[in-house]
Amino acid sequence: MTQVQGTATDDRTSLGRLIGAGLILVGLVLLALGAYLGPYTYATATPGKLTVDTCTVDYKYRTSTSSSSRKKTKTRWCYGTFKSTDGSVTDLNAELKSDALHQRGYVIEALKTGDTTYKLDRGWVYAIAVGCAWLFGALISLAIGFFATVTGFPFGQASGQGLFRTCLVLVGVGAVGLTVSLLVAFFA
């Protein structure tokens, strides 16, 4: 009795399906991150105001491996007193990554997101736009992953034009939605 081994095409189709399953997993992680980094973080943060004592700039130099140039990045930090809107939380040693250098006494709308972490309060529109950007990025990964899992693509044969068109439309919707969400987040 002879036993027939699987063909190379079957092995490659299995690899395509495995890659598709990995992309689906990546899409689910992106969905969870979008929900957490967008609306959930904003809803659970403590809103308040940070009164600036001082602001500094941290310069960091990175040496690029592809060239001999050094790239300089600068991060602005403001330090001061954070007081929540309802008055329940006061932190005399708050630090916040800022978008600009501010004078002593300047008041910044801030969110307390952890025990010692603060970020700029950009509002619900920004939080929802960030969540949607992650969601639409996840949609791209999920659509490609679903197509690869069902068909074994890129190594297998496409099982149906309808599935391909549907996944292509979902990737297009994801790309447009991601672009619009990032634009809303940038201008919010």
Protein backbone atom coordinates (compact mmCIF):
# COMPACT_ATOMS: atom_id res chain seq x y z
CA MET A 1 0.00 0.00 0.00
CA THR A 2 1.38 3.40 -0.92
CA GLN A 3 0.64 6.56 0.92
CA VAL A 4 0.37 9.83 -0.97
CA GLN A 5 1.94 12.85 0.66
CA GLY A 6 0.37 16.30 0.42
CA THR A 7 1.42 18.39 -2.54
CA ALA A 8 3.43 21.59 -2.36
CA THR A 9 0.30 23.53 -3.28
CA ASP A 10 -1.53 22.16 -0.23
CA ASP A 11 1.36 23.21 2.02
CA ARG A 12 1.39 26.71 0.56
CA THR A 13 -2.38 27.00 0.89
CA SER A 14 -2.05 26.03 4.55
CA LEU A 15 0.61 28.70 4.96
CA GLY A 16 -1.72 31.27 3.37
CA ARG A 17 -4.48 30.27 5.76
CA LEU A 18 -2.11 30.50 8.72
CA ILE A 19 -1.06 34.00 7.63
CA GLY A 20 -4.76 34.91 7.31
CA ALA A 21 -5.47 33.67 10.83
CA GLY A 22 -2.56 35.78 12.07
CA LEU A 23 -3.99 38.85 10.33
CA ILE A 24 -7.37 38.21 11.94
CA LEU A 25 -5.66 38.05 15.32
CA VAL A 26 -3.85 41.32 14.59
CA GLY A 27 -7.18 42.89 13.61
CA LEU A 28 -8.79 41.83 16.89
CA VAL A 29 -5.87 43.29 18.86
CA LEU A 30 -6.21 46.55 16.92
CA LEU A 31 -9.93 46.65 17.76
CA ALA A 32 -9.17 46.23 21.46
CA LEU A 33 -6.46 48.89 21.37
CA GLY A 34 -8.78 51.31 19.59
CA ALA A 35 -11.47 50.89 22.21
CA TYR A 36 -8.94 51.25 25.04
CA LEU A 37 -6.83 54.14 23.70
CA GLY A 38 -9.78 56.13 22.40
CA PRO A 39 -13.12 56.36 24.19
CA TYR A 40 -12.35 54.12 27.19
CA THR A 41 -9.27 56.07 28.30
CA TYR A 42 -11.09 59.37 27.86
CA ALA A 43 -14.19 58.17 29.75
CA THR A 44 -12.21 56.78 32.70
CA ALA A 45 -9.72 59.65 33.00
CA THR A 46 -10.06 62.42 35.57
CA PRO A 47 -10.50 65.82 33.86
CA GLY A 48 -8.89 68.88 35.34
CA LYS A 49 -6.41 71.70 34.88
CA LEU A 50 -2.65 71.80 35.18
CA THR A 51 -1.23 75.13 36.32
CA VAL A 52 2.26 75.41 34.84
CA ASP A 53 5.27 76.06 37.07
CA THR A 54 7.87 75.42 34.39
CA CYS A 55 8.27 73.90 30.94
CA THR A 56 11.38 72.28 29.50
CA VAL A 57 12.51 70.74 26.24
CA ASP A 58 14.26 67.37 26.12
CA TYR A 59 16.50 66.85 23.12
CA LYS A 60 17.40 63.37 22.03
CA TYR A 61 19.72 62.49 19.22
CA ARG A 62 19.28 59.35 17.16
CA THR A 63 21.97 58.04 14.90
CA SER A 64 20.51 56.64 11.75
CA THR A 65 21.92 53.32 10.63
CA SER A 66 21.38 54.08 6.95
CA SER A 67 23.38 57.29 6.97
CA SER A 68 25.83 59.13 9.14
CA SER A 69 23.36 61.89 9.99
CA ARG A 70 22.05 62.43 13.51
CA LYS A 71 18.38 63.22 13.90
CA LYS A 72 17.29 65.46 16.71
CA THR A 73 13.91 64.99 18.36
CA LYS A 74 12.56 67.33 20.96
CA THR A 75 9.87 66.70 23.53
CA ARG A 76 8.23 69.50 25.49
CA TRP A 77 7.33 68.80 29.12
CA CYS A 78 5.37 71.06 31.43
CA TYR A 79 5.46 70.61 35.21
CA GLY A 80 3.06 72.03 37.75
CA THR A 81 0.01 71.46 39.89
CA PHE A 82 -2.91 69.38 38.64
CA LYS A 83 -6.34 69.93 40.18
CA SER A 84 -9.33 67.89 39.03
CA THR A 85 -12.50 69.63 37.92
CA ASP A 86 -14.49 68.25 40.86
CA GLY A 87 -11.70 69.11 43.33
CA SER A 88 -11.20 65.53 44.51
CA VAL A 89 -7.66 65.12 43.11
CA THR A 90 -4.70 67.45 43.55
CA ASP A 91 -1.16 66.59 42.46
CA LEU A 92 1.60 69.13 43.17
CA ASN A 93 4.17 67.27 41.01
CA ALA A 94 2.29 66.66 37.77
CA GLU A 95 4.14 66.43 34.48
CA LEU A 96 2.56 66.59 31.06
CA LYS A 97 3.89 66.14 27.53
CA SER A 98 2.87 69.41 25.93
CA ASP A 99 2.52 70.74 22.42
CA ALA A 100 4.13 74.08 23.30
CA LEU A 101 6.25 75.80 25.94
CA HIS A 102 4.09 77.80 28.34
CA GLN A 103 4.83 80.57 30.82
CA ARG A 104 4.51 80.12 34.58
CA GLY A 105 0.84 80.34 35.62
CA TYR A 106 -0.57 79.17 32.27
CA VAL A 107 -3.49 76.76 32.70
CA ILE A 108 -3.66 73.63 30.51
CA GLU A 109 -6.76 71.44 30.16
CA ALA A 110 -5.49 67.98 31.14
CA LEU A 111 -6.61 64.44 31.88
CA LYS A 112 -5.20 62.26 34.63
CA THR A 113 -5.05 58.81 33.01
CA GLY A 114 -3.14 56.94 35.72
CA ASP A 115 -1.48 57.39 39.08
CA THR A 116 1.23 59.67 37.68
CA THR A 117 0.33 59.98 33.99
CA TYR A 118 -1.30 62.97 32.39
CA LYS A 119 -2.17 63.97 28.86
CA LEU A 120 -3.71 66.93 27.07
CA ASP A 121 -7.51 67.02 27.11
CA ARG A 122 -8.51 67.24 23.46
CA GLY A 123 -12.18 66.33 23.95
CA TRP A 124 -14.57 63.58 23.00
CA VAL A 125 -14.25 64.21 19.27
CA TYR A 126 -10.51 63.49 19.41
CA ALA A 127 -11.03 60.38 21.56
CA ILE A 128 -13.67 58.98 19.20
CA ALA A 129 -11.55 59.82 16.14
CA VAL A 130 -8.59 57.93 17.65
CA GLY A 131 -10.82 54.95 18.39
CA CYS A 132 -12.22 55.02 14.85
CA ALA A 133 -8.74 55.21 13.33
CA TRP A 134 -7.79 52.01 15.15
CA LEU A 135 -11.12 50.43 14.16
CA PHE A 136 -10.66 51.16 10.46
CA GLY A 137 -7.06 49.92 10.60
CA ALA A 138 -8.41 46.72 12.16
CA LEU A 139 -11.02 46.46 9.37
CA ILE A 140 -8.23 46.37 6.76
CA SER A 141 -6.38 43.62 8.63
CA LEU A 142 -9.58 41.63 9.26
CA ALA A 143 -10.71 41.78 5.62
CA ILE A 144 -7.35 40.64 4.25
CA GLY A 145 -7.05 38.00 6.97
CA PHE A 146 -10.54 36.64 6.29
CA PHE A 147 -9.87 36.40 2.56
CA ALA A 148 -6.51 34.68 3.10
CA THR A 149 -8.00 32.26 5.64
CA VAL A 150 -10.89 31.23 3.40
CA THR A 151 -8.95 30.94 0.14
CA GLY A 152 -5.37 30.23 1.20
CA PHE A 153 -4.37 33.30 -0.79
CA PRO A 154 -1.68 34.32 -1.80
CA PHE A 155 -0.66 30.71 -2.45
CA GLY A 156 -4.00 29.01 -3.11
CA GLN A 157 -6.67 29.51 -5.72
CA ALA A 158 -9.27 32.19 -5.17
CA SER A 159 -12.55 30.48 -4.34
CA GLY A 160 -14.87 33.20 -5.51
CA GLN A 161 -14.92 36.57 -7.13
CA GLY A 162 -17.74 37.72 -4.82
CA LEU A 163 -15.61 37.16 -1.73
CA PHE A 164 -12.69 38.97 -3.35
CA ARG A 165 -14.85 41.99 -4.24
CA THR A 166 -16.38 42.10 -0.76
CA CYS A 167 -12.95 42.03 0.90
CA LEU A 168 -11.65 44.62 -1.54
CA VAL A 169 -14.57 46.94 -0.68
CA LEU A 170 -13.89 46.42 3.04
CA VAL A 171 -10.21 47.29 2.56
CA GLY A 172 -11.24 50.42 0.64
CA VAL A 173 -13.72 51.43 3.35
CA GLY A 174 -11.02 50.82 5.96
CA ALA A 175 -8.48 52.96 4.10
CA VAL A 176 -10.92 55.86 3.58
CA GLY A 177 -12.20 55.62 7.16
CA LEU A 178 -8.65 55.54 8.54
CA THR A 179 -7.71 58.63 6.53
CA VAL A 180 -10.81 60.57 7.59
CA SER A 181 -10.38 59.56 11.25
CA LEU A 182 -6.76 60.68 11.27
CA LEU A 183 -7.72 64.01 9.69
CA VAL A 184 -10.45 64.55 12.30
CA ALA A 185 -8.03 63.67 15.10
CA PHE A 186 -5.41 66.03 13.66
CA PHE A 187 -7.79 68.99 13.39
CA ALA A 188 -9.74 68.33 16.61
